[in-house]
Amino acid sequence: MAVSLYDLSVVNYLQTLGAVEGFLAKGLSHFQGSNADPNAVLDEKLCGDMLPFKFQVWATAHHSLGAIKGVKEGVFGPPSPIPATMDYAGLQKAVTEAREALQQVKAADVDAVQGKDVTFQLPTMKIPFTAEGFLLSFSLPNFYFHATTAYDILRHKGVPIGKRDFLGRMRIKS
């Protein structure tokens, strides 16, 4: 049985975005239960030269819904700046909105972009891909990296989450 580009990308984005929603909810509950401001985690990092928690969550939406938009348009760039007013609830909303929008994407529309040229564009550089090369070798690895880093920061801040929270809803045989 052949696996479609939709199955390799959108279905995986949906599973992990659902997991991100879940561990963000557990984070909120943990912070509220500890009488801690959940917004205090927004600028947390695991080390000084990395981007903060809020960027990690923001990037999961960008490298999922934004990636699908990018392959359809033929161009993809870095995430837009995070609004200065972004708070924990806003990050939760961004993830939910990305998941909900991806649920509306049709498999045929994603599968139709296979072989299409996609350019990752920076101000000083352009990197050419095919749609499947972009999704599988650039977007999905970035997506998982940022989701994992957000998870790790919450773990580091004491949120009681584990591997099962990161895996999300697995597609088990029924």
C-alpha atoms as a PDB file:
ATOM      1  CA  MET A   1       0.000   0.000   0.000  1.00  0.00           C
ATOM      2  CA  ALA A   2       1.325   3.411  -0.941  1.00  0.00           C
ATOM      3  CA  VAL A   3       1.464   6.162   1.648  1.00  0.00           C
ATOM      4  CA  SER A   4       0.379   9.598   0.482  1.00  0.00           C
ATOM      5  CA  LEU A   5       2.103  12.918   1.055  1.00  0.00           C
ATOM      6  CA  TYR A   6      -0.973  13.966   3.037  1.00  0.00           C
ATOM      7  CA  ASP A   7      -0.570  10.943   5.340  1.00  0.00           C
ATOM      8  CA  LEU A   8       3.138  11.653   5.790  1.00  0.00           C
ATOM      9  CA  SER A   9       2.621  15.313   6.615  1.00  0.00           C
ATOM     10  CA  VAL A  10      -0.844  16.504   7.643  1.00  0.00           C
ATOM     11  CA  VAL A  11      -1.775  13.367   9.583  1.00  0.00           C
ATOM     12  CA  ASN A  12       1.470  13.648  11.574  1.00  0.00           C
ATOM     13  CA  TYR A  13       0.996  17.381  12.135  1.00  0.00           C
ATOM     14  CA  LEU A  14      -2.486  16.710  13.490  1.00  0.00           C
ATOM     15  CA  GLN A  15      -1.292  13.999  15.896  1.00  0.00           C
ATOM     16  CA  THR A  16       1.456  16.150  17.340  1.00  0.00           C
ATOM     17  CA  LEU A  17      -0.540  19.386  17.426  1.00  0.00           C
ATOM     18  CA  GLY A  18      -3.137  17.486  19.466  1.00  0.00           C
ATOM     19  CA  ALA A  19      -0.354  16.392  21.806  1.00  0.00           C
ATOM     20  CA  VAL A  20       0.962  19.963  22.070  1.00  0.00           C
ATOM     21  CA  GLU A  21      -2.544  21.134  22.983  1.00  0.00           C
ATOM     22  CA  GLY A  22      -2.626  18.438  25.657  1.00  0.00           C
ATOM     23  CA  PHE A  23       0.713  19.217  27.248  1.00  0.00           C
ATOM     24  CA  LEU A  24       0.011  22.967  27.124  1.00  0.00           C
ATOM     25  CA  ALA A  25      -3.256  22.282  28.975  1.00  0.00           C
ATOM     26  CA  LYS A  26      -1.381  20.222  31.575  1.00  0.00           C
ATOM     27  CA  GLY A  27       1.150  23.033  31.866  1.00  0.00           C
ATOM     28  CA  LEU A  28      -1.597  25.577  32.492  1.00  0.00           C
ATOM     29  CA  SER A  29      -3.180  23.331  35.120  1.00  0.00           C
ATOM     30  CA  HIS A  30       0.202  22.786  36.796  1.00  0.00           C
ATOM     31  CA  PHE A  31       1.027  26.494  36.932  1.00  0.00           C
ATOM     32  CA  GLN A  32      -2.438  27.426  38.201  1.00  0.00           C
ATOM     33  CA  GLY A  33      -2.295  24.636  40.805  1.00  0.00           C
ATOM     34  CA  SER A  34       1.067  25.959  41.976  1.00  0.00           C
ATOM     35  CA  ASN A  35      -0.227  29.540  42.133  1.00  0.00           C
ATOM     36  CA  ALA A  36       2.303  30.397  39.417  1.00  0.00           C
ATOM     37  CA  ASP A  37       1.685  32.682  36.458  1.00  0.00           C
ATOM     38  CA  PRO A  38       1.732  30.536  33.294  1.00  0.00           C
ATOM     39  CA  ASN A  39       3.046  33.556  31.390  1.00  0.00           C
ATOM     40  CA  ALA A  40       6.271  33.314  33.401  1.00  0.00           C
ATOM     41  CA  VAL A  41       7.300  30.360  31.200  1.00  0.00           C
ATOM     42  CA  LEU A  42       7.061  32.334  27.947  1.00  0.00           C
ATOM     43  CA  ASP A  43      10.677  33.498  27.945  1.00  0.00           C
ATOM     44  CA  GLU A  44      12.153  30.335  29.469  1.00  0.00           C
ATOM     45  CA  LYS A  45      14.988  28.565  27.657  1.00  0.00           C
ATOM     46  CA  LEU A  46      16.969  25.414  28.310  1.00  0.00           C
ATOM     47  CA  CYS A  47      20.191  27.272  27.525  1.00  0.00           C
ATOM     48  CA  GLY A  48      21.132  30.861  26.809  1.00  0.00           C
ATOM     49  CA  ASP A  49      21.545  30.715  23.043  1.00  0.00           C
ATOM     50  CA  MET A  50      18.218  29.123  22.206  1.00  0.00           C
ATOM     51  CA  LEU A  51      14.898  30.739  21.398  1.00  0.00           C
ATOM     52  CA  PRO A  52      12.333  30.884  24.237  1.00  0.00           C
ATOM     53  CA  PHE A  53       9.323  28.715  24.963  1.00  0.00           C
ATOM     54  CA  LYS A  54       6.914  31.095  23.225  1.00  0.00           C
ATOM     55  CA  PHE A  55       8.889  30.802  19.981  1.00  0.00           C
ATOM     56  CA  GLN A  56       8.978  26.999  20.230  1.00  0.00           C
ATOM     57  CA  VAL A  57       5.186  26.813  20.466  1.00  0.00           C
ATOM     58  CA  TRP A  58       4.703  29.514  17.808  1.00  0.00           C
ATOM     59  CA  ALA A  59       6.980  27.582  15.434  1.00  0.00           C
ATOM     60  CA  THR A  60       4.918  24.388  15.743  1.00  0.00           C
ATOM     61  CA  ALA A  61       1.983  26.184  14.149  1.00  0.00           C
ATOM     62  CA  HIS A  62       4.243  27.722  11.509  1.00  0.00           C
ATOM     63  CA  HIS A  63       5.913  24.436  10.551  1.00  0.00           C
ATOM     64  CA  SER A  64       2.562  22.647  10.248  1.00  0.00           C
ATOM     65  CA  LEU A  65      -0.212  24.812   8.843  1.00  0.00           C
ATOM     66  CA  GLY A  66       2.321  27.292   7.467  1.00  0.00           C
ATOM     67  CA  ALA A  67       4.212  24.502   5.724  1.00  0.00           C
ATOM     68  CA  ILE A  68       1.086  23.267   3.956  1.00  0.00           C
ATOM     69  CA  LYS A  69       0.298  26.817   2.855  1.00  0.00           C
ATOM     70  CA  GLY A  70       3.918  27.141   1.721  1.00  0.00           C
ATOM     71  CA  VAL A  71       3.873  24.076  -0.508  1.00  0.00           C
ATOM     72  CA  LYS A  72       0.647  25.242  -2.105  1.00  0.00           C
ATOM     73  CA  GLU A  73       2.100  28.733  -2.738  1.00  0.00           C
ATOM     74  CA  GLY A  74       5.585  27.511  -3.658  1.00  0.00           C
ATOM     75  CA  VAL A  75       7.393  29.620  -1.069  1.00  0.00           C
ATOM     76  CA  PHE A  76       7.986  29.340   2.677  1.00  0.00           C
ATOM     77  CA  GLY A  77       9.890  31.569   5.075  1.00  0.00           C
ATOM     78  CA  PRO A  78      10.634  31.910   8.780  1.00  0.00           C
ATOM     79  CA  PRO A  79       7.756  32.448  11.214  1.00  0.00           C
ATOM     80  CA  SER A  80       6.217  35.891  11.476  1.00  0.00           C
ATOM     81  CA  PRO A  81       7.202  37.868  14.569  1.00  0.00           C
ATOM     82  CA  ILE A  82       5.357  36.827  17.703  1.00  0.00           C
ATOM     83  CA  PRO A  83       2.907  39.550  18.721  1.00  0.00           C
ATOM     84  CA  ALA A  84       4.180  41.509  21.727  1.00  0.00           C
ATOM     85  CA  THR A  85       0.890  40.801  23.502  1.00  0.00           C
ATOM     86  CA  MET A  86       1.203  37.006  23.071  1.00  0.00           C
ATOM     87  CA  ASP A  87       0.478  35.173  26.296  1.00  0.00           C
ATOM     88  CA  TYR A  88       0.129  31.501  27.274  1.00  0.00           C
ATOM     89  CA  ALA A  89      -3.545  31.446  26.278  1.00  0.00           C
ATOM     90  CA  GLY A  90      -2.648  33.018  22.937  1.00  0.00           C
ATOM     91  CA  LEU A  91      -0.114  30.275  22.262  1.00  0.00           C
ATOM     92  CA  GLN A  92      -2.722  27.669  23.083  1.00  0.00           C
ATOM     93  CA  LYS A  93      -5.100  29.385  20.662  1.00  0.00           C
ATOM     94  CA  ALA A  94      -2.456  29.477  17.884  1.00  0.00           C
ATOM     95  CA  VAL A  95      -1.900  25.719  18.194  1.00  0.00           C
ATOM     96  CA  THR A  96      -5.628  24.981  18.241  1.00  0.00           C
ATOM     97  CA  GLU A  97      -6.245  27.217  15.224  1.00  0.00           C
ATOM     98  CA  ALA A  98      -3.460  25.469  13.281  1.00  0.00           C
ATOM     99  CA  ARG A  99      -4.907  22.050  14.126  1.00  0.00           C
ATOM    100  CA  GLU A 100      -8.447  23.085  13.229  1.00  0.00           C
ATOM    101  CA  ALA A 101      -7.345  24.593   9.910  1.00  0.00           C
ATOM    102  CA  LEU A 102      -5.315  21.474   9.056  1.00  0.00           C
ATOM    103  CA  GLN A 103      -8.371  19.330   9.739  1.00  0.00           C
ATOM    104  CA  GLN A 104     -10.038  21.160   6.838  1.00  0.00           C
ATOM    105  CA  VAL A 105      -7.195  20.432   4.387  1.00  0.00           C
ATOM    106  CA  LYS A 106      -8.137  17.896   1.731  1.00  0.00           C
ATOM    107  CA  ALA A 107      -5.805  14.967   1.119  1.00  0.00           C
ATOM    108  CA  ALA A 108      -6.099  15.400  -2.652  1.00  0.00           C
ATOM    109  CA  ASP A 109      -4.912  19.016  -2.388  1.00  0.00           C
ATOM    110  CA  VAL A 110      -1.746  18.016  -0.529  1.00  0.00           C
ATOM    111  CA  ASP A 111      -1.061  14.994  -2.712  1.00  0.00           C
ATOM    112  CA  ALA A 112      -1.428  17.208  -5.799  1.00  0.00           C
ATOM    113  CA  VAL A 113       1.635  19.304  -4.870  1.00  0.00           C
ATOM    114  CA  GLN A 114       4.021  16.355  -5.097  1.00  0.00           C
ATOM    115  CA  GLY A 115       6.906  17.302  -7.369  1.00  0.00           C
ATOM    116  CA  LYS A 116       6.055  21.003  -7.207  1.00  0.00           C
ATOM    117  CA  ASP A 117       8.900  23.454  -6.597  1.00  0.00           C
ATOM    118  CA  VAL A 118       9.013  25.033  -3.128  1.00  0.00           C
ATOM    119  CA  THR A 119      11.572  27.614  -2.057  1.00  0.00           C
ATOM    120  CA  PHE A 120      12.577  28.294   1.519  1.00  0.00           C
ATOM    121  CA  GLN A 121      13.285  31.989   1.328  1.00  0.00           C
ATOM    122  CA  LEU A 122      15.386  34.059   3.678  1.00  0.00           C
ATOM    123  CA  PRO A 123      16.404  37.670   3.083  1.00  0.00           C
ATOM    124  CA  THR A 124      19.854  36.634   1.847  1.00  0.00           C
ATOM    125  CA  MET A 125      19.313  33.058   0.666  1.00  0.00           C
ATOM    126  CA  LYS A 126      16.918  30.791  -1.189  1.00  0.00           C
ATOM    127  CA  ILE A 127      16.886  27.011  -0.770  1.00  0.00           C
ATOM    128  CA  PRO A 128      15.080  25.036  -3.501  1.00  0.00           C
ATOM    129  CA  PHE A 129      13.055  21.919  -2.704  1.00  0.00           C
ATOM    130  CA  THR A 130      10.358  19.759  -4.179  1.00  0.00           C
ATOM    131  CA  ALA A 131       7.190  19.826  -2.077  1.00  0.00           C
ATOM    132  CA  GLU A 132       7.840  16.345  -0.682  1.00  0.00           C
ATOM    133  CA  GLY A 133      11.518  17.116  -0.032  1.00  0.00           C
ATOM    134  CA  PHE A 134      10.537  20.293   1.788  1.00  0.00           C
ATOM    135  CA  LEU A 135       7.878  18.622   3.947  1.00  0.00           C
ATOM    136  CA  LEU A 136       9.848  15.487   4.774  1.00  0.00           C
ATOM    137  CA  SER A 137      13.385  16.838   5.162  1.00  0.00           C
ATOM    138  CA  PHE A 138      12.814  20.392   6.383  1.00  0.00           C
ATOM    139  CA  SER A 139       9.360  21.122   7.742  1.00  0.00           C
ATOM    140  CA  LEU A 140       8.611  17.938   9.667  1.00  0.00           C
ATOM    141  CA  PRO A 141      12.050  17.846  11.364  1.00  0.00           C
ATOM    142  CA  ASN A 142      11.661  21.528  12.341  1.00  0.00           C
ATOM    143  CA  PHE A 143       8.105  20.882  13.543  1.00  0.00           C
ATOM    144  CA  TYR A 144       9.189  17.993  15.767  1.00  0.00           C
ATOM    145  CA  PHE A 145      12.220  19.913  17.028  1.00  0.00           C
ATOM    146  CA  HIS A 146      10.097  22.861  18.197  1.00  0.00           C
ATOM    147  CA  ALA A 147       7.330  20.660  19.664  1.00  0.00           C
ATOM    148  CA  THR A 148       9.946  18.627  21.547  1.00  0.00           C
ATOM    149  CA  THR A 149      11.710  21.731  22.823  1.00  0.00           C
ATOM    150  CA  ALA A 150       8.435  23.240  24.096  1.00  0.00           C
ATOM    151  CA  TYR A 151       7.680  19.920  25.824  1.00  0.00           C
ATOM    152  CA  ASP A 152      11.179  19.819  27.330  1.00  0.00           C
ATOM    153  CA  ILE A 153      10.898  23.355  28.710  1.00  0.00           C
ATOM    154  CA  LEU A 154       7.608  22.499  30.423  1.00  0.00           C
ATOM    155  CA  ARG A 155       9.174  19.317  31.841  1.00  0.00           C
ATOM    156  CA  HIS A 156      12.121  21.367  33.050  1.00  0.00           C
ATOM    157  CA  LYS A 157       9.709  23.751  34.806  1.00  0.00           C
ATOM    158  CA  GLY A 158       8.162  20.826  36.710  1.00  0.00           C
ATOM    159  CA  VAL A 159       5.062  20.137  34.632  1.00  0.00           C
ATOM    160  CA  PRO A 160       4.170  16.461  35.198  1.00  0.00           C
ATOM    161  CA  ILE A 161       4.159  15.276  31.588  1.00  0.00           C
ATOM    162  CA  GLY A 162       5.718  12.193  30.059  1.00  0.00           C
ATOM    163  CA  LYS A 163       6.352  10.466  26.765  1.00  0.00           C
ATOM    164  CA  ARG A 164       2.699   9.512  26.339  1.00  0.00           C
ATOM    165  CA  ASP A 165       1.787  13.216  26.478  1.00  0.00           C
ATOM    166  CA  PHE A 166       4.206  13.925  23.632  1.00  0.00           C
ATOM    167  CA  LEU A 167       3.038  11.025  21.475  1.00  0.00           C
ATOM    168  CA  GLY A 168      -0.554  12.211  21.444  1.00  0.00           C
ATOM    169  CA  ARG A 169      -3.270  10.080  19.924  1.00  0.00           C
ATOM    170  CA  MET A 170      -1.553   7.226  18.146  1.00  0.00           C
ATOM    171  CA  ARG A 171      -3.110   5.583  15.093  1.00  0.00           C
ATOM    172  CA  ILE A 172      -3.333   2.077  16.487  1.00  0.00           C
ATOM    173  CA  LYS A 173      -4.825  -0.886  14.682  1.00  0.00           C
ATOM    174  CA  SER A 174      -8.397  -1.459  15.770  1.00  0.00           C
END
